[in-house]
Amino acid sequence: MSEEKNLNFGETDSAISWVVVRLTQLSSAAGSLTKIQQLSPASLAYLGDAVYELFFRTCYLLPPKRLKDYHRQVVAQVRAETQALTLQSLKPHLTDNELDILRRGRNAATGTPRRLPPEIYQQASSLETLLGYLYLTDPQRLIQLLAHLGDKGDKGDKGDGGDGGDGGKKK
């Protein structure tokens, strides 16, 4: 396995900092690594989906906006297509172990919406699996990756999900 590759994407705003503090407090609350490794990729993706969405919801809370504006901004980030692009930008920074988790996560995609090619959905599920795994095993590493995502999400986001309001969420 390669050593952890350091990411340095600059400072984060106060909303991201709050998430960082909360995630740090969870460091060993999830149980042993052996138990976590027994979880299915779908279970890890389920958790990773929640972590991912909560992260972006927190990022967009400031400055205060109308709820529909929050929703549009978050939906633009949590769409499967955006997650797949995000995964591609993160891959060069991932360790061998993290890449193995991604490979396991590809199979977490059990059914795909007709509007998406299966590869896109598999990539999004892979990202969610990795985030769920890191949430339980390595919160500091999760924080590094989320800080990168927060930096990307703040740049040029118009908040337009372009999806008719369903957010492209995987059902």
N, C-alpha and C. Protein backbone atom coordinates (compact mmCIF):
# COMPACT_ATOMS: atom_id res chain seq x y z
N MET A 1 0.83 -1.19 0.00
CA MET A 1 0.00 0.00 0.00
C MET A 1 0.87 1.25 0.00
N SER A 2 0.44 2.25 -0.70
CA SER A 2 1.20 3.49 -0.69
C SER A 2 0.86 4.28 0.56
N GLU A 3 1.74 5.20 0.89
CA GLU A 3 1.47 6.05 2.03
C GLU A 3 0.38 7.04 1.65
N GLU A 4 -0.27 7.58 2.69
CA GLU A 4 -1.33 8.56 2.46
C GLU A 4 -0.74 9.75 1.72
N LYS A 5 -1.40 10.16 0.67
CA LYS A 5 -0.96 11.32 -0.08
C LYS A 5 -1.58 12.55 0.55
N ASN A 6 -0.77 13.52 0.88
CA ASN A 6 -1.27 14.72 1.53
C ASN A 6 -1.94 15.63 0.52
N LEU A 7 -3.05 16.19 0.93
CA LEU A 7 -3.76 17.16 0.13
C LEU A 7 -3.70 18.48 0.86
N ASN A 8 -3.43 19.54 0.16
CA ASN A 8 -3.44 20.85 0.78
C ASN A 8 -4.20 21.77 -0.15
N PHE A 9 -5.46 21.99 0.16
CA PHE A 9 -6.32 22.78 -0.72
C PHE A 9 -6.70 24.12 -0.10
N GLY A 10 -5.94 24.56 0.88
CA GLY A 10 -6.21 25.86 1.46
C GLY A 10 -7.16 25.80 2.63
N GLU A 11 -7.47 26.97 3.15
CA GLU A 11 -8.35 27.06 4.31
C GLU A 11 -9.80 26.85 3.91
N THR A 12 -10.57 26.39 4.87
CA THR A 12 -11.99 26.19 4.63
C THR A 12 -12.78 27.23 5.39
N ASP A 13 -14.03 27.43 5.01
CA ASP A 13 -14.85 28.42 5.69
C ASP A 13 -15.37 27.87 7.02
N SER A 14 -16.08 28.68 7.75
CA SER A 14 -16.52 28.28 9.10
C SER A 14 -17.49 27.11 9.07
N ALA A 15 -18.33 27.00 8.07
CA ALA A 15 -19.25 25.86 8.00
C ALA A 15 -18.48 24.56 7.83
N ILE A 16 -17.49 24.57 6.97
CA ILE A 16 -16.67 23.38 6.78
C ILE A 16 -15.90 23.08 8.05
N SER A 17 -15.40 24.10 8.71
CA SER A 17 -14.67 23.90 9.96
C SER A 17 -15.54 23.23 11.01
N TRP A 18 -16.81 23.60 11.07
CA TRP A 18 -17.72 22.97 12.03
C TRP A 18 -17.84 21.47 11.74
N VAL A 19 -17.99 21.12 10.48
CA VAL A 19 -18.09 19.71 10.10
C VAL A 19 -16.80 18.98 10.48
N VAL A 20 -15.67 19.62 10.24
CA VAL A 20 -14.38 19.01 10.58
C VAL A 20 -14.32 18.69 12.07
N VAL A 21 -14.72 19.63 12.91
CA VAL A 21 -14.70 19.40 14.36
C VAL A 21 -15.61 18.24 14.73
N ARG A 22 -16.80 18.21 14.18
CA ARG A 22 -17.74 17.14 14.50
C ARG A 22 -17.21 15.78 14.05
N LEU A 23 -16.64 15.70 12.87
CA LEU A 23 -16.12 14.43 12.38
C LEU A 23 -14.94 13.95 13.22
N THR A 24 -14.11 14.88 13.65
CA THR A 24 -12.96 14.52 14.47
C THR A 24 -13.41 13.87 15.77
N GLN A 25 -14.51 14.32 16.33
CA GLN A 25 -15.01 13.78 17.58
C GLN A 25 -15.51 12.35 17.43
N LEU A 26 -15.74 11.90 16.22
CA LEU A 26 -16.27 10.56 15.99
C LEU A 26 -15.18 9.51 15.79
N SER A 27 -13.93 9.89 15.94
CA SER A 27 -12.80 9.08 15.48
C SER A 27 -12.88 7.59 15.77
N SER A 28 -13.21 7.17 16.97
CA SER A 28 -13.23 5.73 17.24
C SER A 28 -14.57 5.24 17.74
N ALA A 29 -15.60 6.02 17.55
CA ALA A 29 -16.92 5.65 18.07
C ALA A 29 -17.56 4.50 17.30
N ALA A 30 -17.10 4.21 16.12
CA ALA A 30 -17.78 3.24 15.26
C ALA A 30 -17.45 1.78 15.58
N GLY A 31 -16.41 1.51 16.31
CA GLY A 31 -16.07 0.12 16.62
C GLY A 31 -14.79 -0.31 15.96
N SER A 32 -14.52 -1.59 16.01
CA SER A 32 -13.25 -2.11 15.52
C SER A 32 -13.21 -2.14 13.99
N LEU A 33 -11.99 -2.09 13.49
CA LEU A 33 -11.77 -2.14 12.04
C LEU A 33 -12.28 -3.45 11.46
N THR A 34 -12.14 -4.54 12.19
CA THR A 34 -12.62 -5.84 11.72
C THR A 34 -14.12 -5.82 11.47
N LYS A 35 -14.87 -5.24 12.39
CA LYS A 35 -16.32 -5.15 12.22
C LYS A 35 -16.67 -4.27 11.02
N ILE A 36 -15.96 -3.19 10.87
CA ILE A 36 -16.23 -2.27 9.77
C ILE A 36 -15.94 -2.93 8.43
N GLN A 37 -14.86 -3.70 8.36
CA GLN A 37 -14.51 -4.37 7.11
C GLN A 37 -15.51 -5.44 6.72
N GLN A 38 -16.34 -5.87 7.67
CA GLN A 38 -17.37 -6.86 7.38
C GLN A 38 -18.63 -6.23 6.78
N LEU A 39 -18.72 -4.91 6.83
CA LEU A 39 -19.89 -4.24 6.26
C LEU A 39 -19.87 -4.36 4.74
N SER A 40 -21.04 -4.48 4.17
CA SER A 40 -21.13 -4.57 2.71
C SER A 40 -20.83 -3.21 2.09
N PRO A 41 -20.37 -3.19 0.84
CA PRO A 41 -20.18 -1.92 0.15
C PRO A 41 -21.47 -1.10 0.11
N ALA A 42 -22.61 -1.76 -0.03
CA ALA A 42 -23.88 -1.02 -0.06
C ALA A 42 -24.13 -0.32 1.27
N SER A 43 -23.78 -0.96 2.38
CA SER A 43 -23.95 -0.33 3.70
C SER A 43 -23.03 0.87 3.84
N LEU A 44 -21.81 0.73 3.38
CA LEU A 44 -20.87 1.86 3.44
C LEU A 44 -21.33 3.00 2.54
N ALA A 45 -21.86 2.66 1.35
CA ALA A 45 -22.37 3.69 0.44
C ALA A 45 -23.58 4.40 1.04
N TYR A 46 -24.42 3.66 1.74
CA TYR A 46 -25.58 4.25 2.41
C TYR A 46 -25.13 5.32 3.40
N LEU A 47 -24.12 4.99 4.19
CA LEU A 47 -23.58 5.94 5.15
C LEU A 47 -22.86 7.08 4.43
N GLY A 48 -22.07 6.75 3.42
CA GLY A 48 -21.33 7.76 2.68
C GLY A 48 -22.23 8.77 1.99
N ASP A 49 -23.38 8.31 1.50
CA ASP A 49 -24.35 9.21 0.88
C ASP A 49 -24.82 10.25 1.89
N ALA A 50 -25.09 9.82 3.11
CA ALA A 50 -25.54 10.74 4.16
C ALA A 50 -24.42 11.72 4.54
N VAL A 51 -23.20 11.23 4.66
CA VAL A 51 -22.06 12.08 4.99
C VAL A 51 -21.87 13.14 3.91
N TYR A 52 -21.92 12.70 2.66
CA TYR A 52 -21.71 13.59 1.52
C TYR A 52 -22.77 14.70 1.48
N GLU A 53 -24.03 14.30 1.61
CA GLU A 53 -25.10 15.30 1.55
C GLU A 53 -25.06 16.24 2.75
N LEU A 54 -24.83 15.71 3.93
CA LEU A 54 -24.75 16.56 5.12
C LEU A 54 -23.60 17.55 5.00
N PHE A 55 -22.50 17.10 4.46
CA PHE A 55 -21.36 18.00 4.27
C PHE A 55 -21.76 19.19 3.40
N PHE A 56 -22.37 18.94 2.26
CA PHE A 56 -22.73 20.05 1.38
C PHE A 56 -23.87 20.88 1.94
N ARG A 57 -24.80 20.27 2.64
CA ARG A 57 -25.84 21.07 3.29
C ARG A 57 -25.21 22.05 4.27
N THR A 58 -24.23 21.59 5.01
CA THR A 58 -23.54 22.45 5.98
C THR A 58 -22.75 23.54 5.27
N CYS A 59 -22.09 23.20 4.17
CA CYS A 59 -21.30 24.18 3.43
C CYS A 59 -22.14 25.35 2.94
N TYR A 60 -23.36 25.07 2.52
CA TYR A 60 -24.18 26.10 1.89
C TYR A 60 -25.08 26.86 2.86
N LEU A 61 -24.97 26.59 4.16
CA LEU A 61 -25.81 27.30 5.13
C LEU A 61 -25.47 28.78 5.24
N LEU A 62 -24.24 29.13 5.00
CA LEU A 62 -23.82 30.52 5.12
C LEU A 62 -23.41 31.04 3.76
N PRO A 63 -23.81 32.20 3.35
CA PRO A 63 -24.75 33.09 4.03
C PRO A 63 -26.18 32.54 3.96
N PRO A 64 -27.03 32.96 4.88
CA PRO A 64 -28.41 32.46 4.90
C PRO A 64 -29.13 32.73 3.57
N LYS A 65 -29.93 31.75 3.17
CA LYS A 65 -30.69 31.83 1.91
C LYS A 65 -32.08 31.25 2.13
N ARG A 66 -32.87 31.30 1.07
CA ARG A 66 -34.16 30.63 1.11
C ARG A 66 -33.93 29.13 0.98
N LEU A 67 -34.86 28.33 1.50
CA LEU A 67 -34.70 26.88 1.48
C LEU A 67 -34.55 26.34 0.07
N LYS A 68 -35.30 26.89 -0.88
CA LYS A 68 -35.19 26.37 -2.25
C LYS A 68 -33.81 26.65 -2.82
N ASP A 69 -33.17 27.73 -2.39
CA ASP A 69 -31.81 28.02 -2.86
C ASP A 69 -30.80 27.05 -2.25
N TYR A 70 -30.97 26.75 -0.95
CA TYR A 70 -30.13 25.72 -0.33
C TYR A 70 -30.27 24.42 -1.12
N HIS A 71 -31.52 24.06 -1.36
CA HIS A 71 -31.81 22.79 -2.02
C HIS A 71 -31.14 22.72 -3.39
N ARG A 72 -31.29 23.77 -4.18
CA ARG A 72 -30.70 23.78 -5.52
C ARG A 72 -29.18 23.61 -5.47
N GLN A 73 -28.54 24.30 -4.53
CA GLN A 73 -27.09 24.21 -4.44
C GLN A 73 -26.64 22.81 -4.03
N VAL A 74 -27.33 22.24 -3.06
CA VAL A 74 -26.95 20.91 -2.59
C VAL A 74 -27.22 19.87 -3.68
N VAL A 75 -28.37 19.96 -4.33
CA VAL A 75 -28.71 19.01 -5.38
C VAL A 75 -27.66 19.02 -6.49
N ALA A 76 -27.15 20.20 -6.81
CA ALA A 76 -26.12 20.28 -7.85
C ALA A 76 -24.87 19.49 -7.47
N GLN A 77 -24.62 19.35 -6.18
CA GLN A 77 -23.43 18.63 -5.72
C GLN A 77 -23.67 17.14 -5.52
N VAL A 78 -24.87 16.74 -5.13
CA VAL A 78 -25.11 15.34 -4.76
C VAL A 78 -25.64 14.50 -5.92
N ARG A 79 -25.81 15.10 -7.07
CA ARG A 79 -26.22 14.34 -8.26
C ARG A 79 -25.16 13.28 -8.57
N ALA A 80 -25.58 12.15 -9.06
CA ALA A 80 -24.65 11.07 -9.40
C ALA A 80 -23.60 11.55 -10.41
N GLU A 81 -24.01 12.36 -11.37
CA GLU A 81 -23.07 12.85 -12.38
C GLU A 81 -21.96 13.67 -11.74
N THR A 82 -22.32 14.55 -10.81
CA THR A 82 -21.34 15.38 -10.13
C THR A 82 -20.43 14.53 -9.26
N GLN A 83 -21.02 13.54 -8.59
CA GLN A 83 -20.21 12.65 -7.76
C GLN A 83 -19.19 11.89 -8.62
N ALA A 84 -19.59 11.45 -9.79
CA ALA A 84 -18.67 10.73 -10.68
C ALA A 84 -17.52 11.64 -11.10
N LEU A 85 -17.81 12.89 -11.43
CA LEU A 85 -16.75 13.84 -11.79
C LEU A 85 -15.84 14.11 -10.60
N THR A 86 -16.44 14.24 -9.43
CA THR A 86 -15.66 14.46 -8.21
C THR A 86 -14.71 13.31 -7.96
N LEU A 87 -15.20 12.11 -8.15
CA LEU A 87 -14.36 10.93 -7.95
C LEU A 87 -13.15 10.98 -8.89
N GLN A 88 -13.38 11.35 -10.14
CA GLN A 88 -12.26 11.41 -11.09
C GLN A 88 -11.21 12.42 -10.64
N SER A 89 -11.64 13.54 -10.07
CA SER A 89 -10.67 14.54 -9.62
C SER A 89 -9.93 14.10 -8.36
N LEU A 90 -10.54 13.23 -7.57
CA LEU A 90 -9.90 12.75 -6.34
C LEU A 90 -8.96 11.57 -6.57
N LYS A 91 -9.21 10.78 -7.58
CA LYS A 91 -8.45 9.54 -7.78
C LYS A 91 -6.93 9.71 -7.70
N PRO A 92 -6.35 10.74 -8.31
CA PRO A 92 -4.89 10.86 -8.22
C PRO A 92 -4.37 11.06 -6.79
N HIS A 93 -5.23 11.45 -5.88
CA HIS A 93 -4.84 11.74 -4.51
C HIS A 93 -5.12 10.58 -3.55
N LEU A 94 -5.67 9.50 -4.06
CA LEU A 94 -6.08 8.40 -3.19
C LEU A 94 -4.97 7.38 -2.99
N THR A 95 -4.99 6.74 -1.84
CA THR A 95 -4.02 5.68 -1.53
C THR A 95 -4.46 4.38 -2.20
N ASP A 96 -3.57 3.41 -2.17
CA ASP A 96 -3.91 2.10 -2.73
C ASP A 96 -5.11 1.49 -1.99
N ASN A 97 -5.12 1.61 -0.68
CA ASN A 97 -6.24 1.07 0.11
C ASN A 97 -7.55 1.76 -0.28
N GLU A 98 -7.51 3.07 -0.46
CA GLU A 98 -8.71 3.81 -0.85
C GLU A 98 -9.18 3.40 -2.24
N LEU A 99 -8.25 3.15 -3.13
CA LEU A 99 -8.61 2.67 -4.47
C LEU A 99 -9.25 1.29 -4.40
N ASP A 100 -8.78 0.44 -3.48
CA ASP A 100 -9.41 -0.87 -3.27
C ASP A 100 -10.85 -0.71 -2.78
N ILE A 101 -11.07 0.24 -1.88
CA ILE A 101 -12.43 0.51 -1.38
C ILE A 101 -13.32 0.95 -2.53
N LEU A 102 -12.78 1.79 -3.42
CA LEU A 102 -13.55 2.22 -4.60
C LEU A 102 -13.96 1.02 -5.45
N ARG A 103 -13.02 0.11 -5.67
CA ARG A 103 -13.34 -1.08 -6.48
C ARG A 103 -14.45 -1.89 -5.83
N ARG A 104 -14.40 -2.05 -4.51
CA ARG A 104 -15.47 -2.74 -3.80
C ARG A 104 -16.79 -1.98 -3.96
N GLY A 105 -16.71 -0.66 -3.91
CA GLY A 105 -17.90 0.17 -3.97
C GLY A 105 -18.61 0.18 -5.31
N ARG A 106 -17.89 -0.15 -6.37
CA ARG A 106 -18.52 -0.21 -7.70
C ARG A 106 -19.71 -1.16 -7.69
N ASN A 107 -19.58 -2.21 -6.91
CA ASN A 107 -20.63 -3.22 -6.87
C ASN A 107 -21.77 -2.85 -5.94
N ALA A 108 -21.66 -1.73 -5.25
CA ALA A 108 -22.73 -1.29 -4.36
C ALA A 108 -23.94 -0.79 -5.15
N ALA A 109 -23.72 -0.43 -6.40
CA ALA A 109 -24.80 0.06 -7.26
C ALA A 109 -25.63 -1.14 -7.72
N THR A 110 -26.78 -1.32 -7.09
CA THR A 110 -27.59 -2.50 -7.39
C THR A 110 -28.59 -2.26 -8.51
N GLY A 111 -29.09 -1.07 -8.63
CA GLY A 111 -30.02 -0.74 -9.70
C GLY A 111 -29.75 0.68 -10.15
N THR A 112 -29.84 0.91 -11.44
CA THR A 112 -29.52 2.25 -11.93
C THR A 112 -30.75 2.88 -12.57
N PRO A 113 -30.93 4.18 -12.36
CA PRO A 113 -32.02 4.87 -13.04
C PRO A 113 -31.78 4.84 -14.55
N ARG A 114 -32.83 4.84 -15.30
CA ARG A 114 -32.71 4.77 -16.76
C ARG A 114 -32.01 5.98 -17.34
N ARG A 115 -32.10 7.11 -16.66
CA ARG A 115 -31.52 8.32 -17.21
C ARG A 115 -29.99 8.34 -17.13
N LEU A 116 -29.40 7.39 -16.39
CA LEU A 116 -27.96 7.38 -16.19
C LEU A 116 -27.30 6.15 -16.80
N PRO A 117 -26.15 6.34 -17.41
CA PRO A 117 -25.37 5.16 -17.79
C PRO A 117 -24.92 4.43 -16.51
N PRO A 118 -24.89 3.13 -16.50
CA PRO A 118 -24.51 2.39 -15.30
C PRO A 118 -23.14 2.78 -14.75
N GLU A 119 -22.20 3.16 -15.62
CA GLU A 119 -20.86 3.53 -15.17
C GLU A 119 -20.89 4.76 -14.26
N ILE A 120 -21.75 5.71 -14.59
CA ILE A 120 -21.85 6.93 -13.78
C ILE A 120 -22.36 6.57 -12.38
N TYR A 121 -23.39 5.78 -12.35
CA TYR A 121 -23.97 5.37 -11.08
C TYR A 121 -22.96 4.56 -10.26
N GLN A 122 -22.19 3.70 -10.91
CA GLN A 122 -21.18 2.91 -10.21
C GLN A 122 -20.09 3.81 -9.63
N GLN A 123 -19.68 4.83 -10.36
CA GLN A 123 -18.67 5.75 -9.86
C GLN A 123 -19.19 6.53 -8.65
N ALA A 124 -20.45 6.98 -8.73
CA ALA A 124 -21.04 7.70 -7.60
C ALA A 124 -21.13 6.80 -6.38
N SER A 125 -21.53 5.56 -6.58
CA SER A 125 -21.61 4.61 -5.47
C SER A 125 -20.23 4.32 -4.89
N SER A 126 -19.23 4.26 -5.76
CA SER A 126 -17.86 4.05 -5.29
C SER A 126 -17.41 5.19 -4.38
N LEU A 127 -17.68 6.42 -4.80
CA LEU A 127 -17.33 7.57 -3.97
C LEU A 127 -18.04 7.50 -2.62
N GLU A 128 -19.33 7.21 -2.64
CA GLU A 128 -20.09 7.13 -1.40
C GLU A 128 -19.55 6.02 -0.50
N THR A 129 -19.15 4.90 -1.09
CA THR A 129 -18.59 3.79 -0.31
C THR A 129 -17.30 4.24 0.37
N LEU A 130 -16.45 4.93 -0.36
CA LEU A 130 -15.20 5.42 0.22
C LEU A 130 -15.48 6.39 1.36
N LEU A 131 -16.41 7.31 1.16
CA LEU A 131 -16.72 8.28 2.21
C LEU A 131 -17.28 7.60 3.45
N GLY A 132 -18.14 6.61 3.26
CA GLY A 132 -18.67 5.86 4.39
C GLY A 132 -17.58 5.12 5.14
N TYR A 133 -16.69 4.50 4.39
CA TYR A 133 -15.58 3.77 5.00
C TYR A 133 -14.67 4.71 5.79
N LEU A 134 -14.31 5.84 5.19
CA LEU A 134 -13.44 6.79 5.88
C LEU A 134 -14.13 7.41 7.09
N TYR A 135 -15.41 7.62 7.01
CA TYR A 135 -16.17 8.16 8.14
C TYR A 135 -16.00 7.27 9.36
N LEU A 136 -16.00 5.96 9.12
CA LEU A 136 -15.90 5.00 10.22
C LEU A 136 -14.46 4.69 10.63
N THR A 137 -13.52 4.81 9.71
CA THR A 137 -12.16 4.33 10.00
C THR A 137 -11.10 5.42 10.11
N ASP A 138 -11.26 6.51 9.38
CA ASP A 138 -10.19 7.52 9.33
C ASP A 138 -10.79 8.91 9.13
N PRO A 139 -11.39 9.46 10.18
CA PRO A 139 -12.04 10.76 10.05
C PRO A 139 -11.10 11.88 9.57
N GLN A 140 -9.83 11.82 9.96
CA GLN A 140 -8.90 12.86 9.51
C GLN A 140 -8.73 12.84 7.99
N ARG A 141 -8.65 11.66 7.44
CA ARG A 141 -8.53 11.53 5.98
C ARG A 141 -9.82 11.98 5.31
N LEU A 142 -10.94 11.61 5.90
CA LEU A 142 -12.23 12.05 5.38
C LEU A 142 -12.28 13.57 5.34
N ILE A 143 -11.80 14.19 6.40
CA ILE A 143 -11.79 15.66 6.48
C ILE A 143 -10.96 16.24 5.34
N GLN A 144 -9.81 15.64 5.06
CA GLN A 144 -8.98 16.13 3.94
C GLN A 144 -9.76 16.09 2.63
N LEU A 145 -10.39 14.96 2.37
CA LEU A 145 -11.12 14.82 1.11
C LEU A 145 -12.33 15.75 1.06
N LEU A 146 -13.05 15.88 2.17
CA LEU A 146 -14.21 16.77 2.20
C LEU A 146 -13.79 18.22 2.02
N ALA A 147 -12.65 18.60 2.58
CA ALA A 147 -12.16 19.97 2.40
C ALA A 147 -11.93 20.25 0.91
N HIS A 148 -11.40 19.27 0.20
CA HIS A 148 -11.20 19.41 -1.24
C HIS A 148 -12.55 19.55 -1.95
N LEU A 149 -13.51 18.74 -1.54
CA LEU A 149 -14.84 18.82 -2.15
C LEU A 149 -15.49 20.16 -1.87
N GLY A 150 -15.33 20.67 -0.66
CA GLY A 150 -15.89 21.97 -0.30
C GLY A 150 -15.28 23.08 -1.13
N ASP A 151 -13.97 23.00 -1.35
CA ASP A 151 -13.30 24.00 -2.19
C ASP A 151 -13.85 23.96 -3.60
N LYS A 152 -14.06 22.75 -4.14
CA LYS A 152 -14.61 22.61 -5.50
C LYS A 152 -16.04 23.11 -5.56
N GLY A 153 -16.84 22.80 -4.55
CA GLY A 153 -18.25 23.15 -4.55
C GLY A 153 -18.49 24.64 -4.48
N ASP A 154 -17.56 25.38 -3.89
CA ASP A 154 -17.74 26.81 -3.74
C ASP A 154 -17.38 27.58 -5.00
N LYS A 155 -16.69 26.95 -5.93
CA LYS A 155 -16.21 27.65 -7.12
C LYS A 155 -17.19 27.52 -8.27
N GLY A 156 -17.79 28.62 -8.64
CA GLY A 156 -18.60 28.65 -9.84
C GLY A 156 -19.91 27.89 -9.76
N ASP A 157 -20.35 27.49 -8.58
CA ASP A 157 -21.62 26.76 -8.48
C ASP A 157 -22.77 27.74 -8.58
N LYS A 158 -23.62 27.53 -9.53
CA LYS A 158 -24.79 28.38 -9.70
C LYS A 158 -25.98 27.83 -8.96
N GLY A 159 -25.83 26.62 -8.40
CA GLY A 159 -26.92 26.02 -7.65
C GLY A 159 -28.01 25.44 -8.52
N ASP A 160 -27.78 25.31 -9.81
CA ASP A 160 -28.81 24.79 -10.70
C ASP A 160 -28.58 23.31 -10.91
N GLY A 161 -29.43 22.51 -10.30
CA GLY A 161 -29.31 21.07 -10.45
C GLY A 161 -29.68 20.62 -11.85
N GLY A 162 -30.50 21.38 -12.55
CA GLY A 162 -30.88 21.05 -13.91
C GLY A 162 -31.59 19.72 -14.03
N ASP A 163 -32.30 19.31 -12.97
CA ASP A 163 -32.84 17.96 -12.94
C ASP A 163 -34.34 17.92 -12.70
N GLY A 164 -34.97 19.06 -12.75
CA GLY A 164 -36.41 19.06 -12.52
C GLY A 164 -36.78 18.84 -11.07
N GLY A 165 -35.81 18.98 -10.16
CA GLY A 165 -36.12 18.93 -8.74
C GLY A 165 -35.89 17.60 -8.06
N ASP A 166 -35.56 16.52 -8.80
CA ASP A 166 -35.38 15.25 -8.11
C ASP A 166 -33.96 15.05 -7.64
N GLY A 167 -33.04 15.93 -8.05
CA GLY A 167 -31.68 15.89 -7.56
C GLY A 167 -30.86 14.75 -8.13
N GLY A 168 -31.42 13.98 -9.02
CA GLY A 168 -30.66 12.87 -9.56
C GLY A 168 -30.32 11.85 -8.50
N LYS A 169 -31.08 11.86 -7.42
CA LYS A 169 -30.78 10.96 -6.31
C LYS A 169 -31.03 9.54 -6.73
N LYS A 170 -30.16 8.68 -6.25
CA LYS A 170 -30.29 7.26 -6.53
C LYS A 170 -31.35 6.69 -5.61
N LYS A 171 -32.29 6.00 -6.15
CA LYS A 171 -33.37 5.41 -5.35
C LYS A 171 -33.15 3.94 -5.21
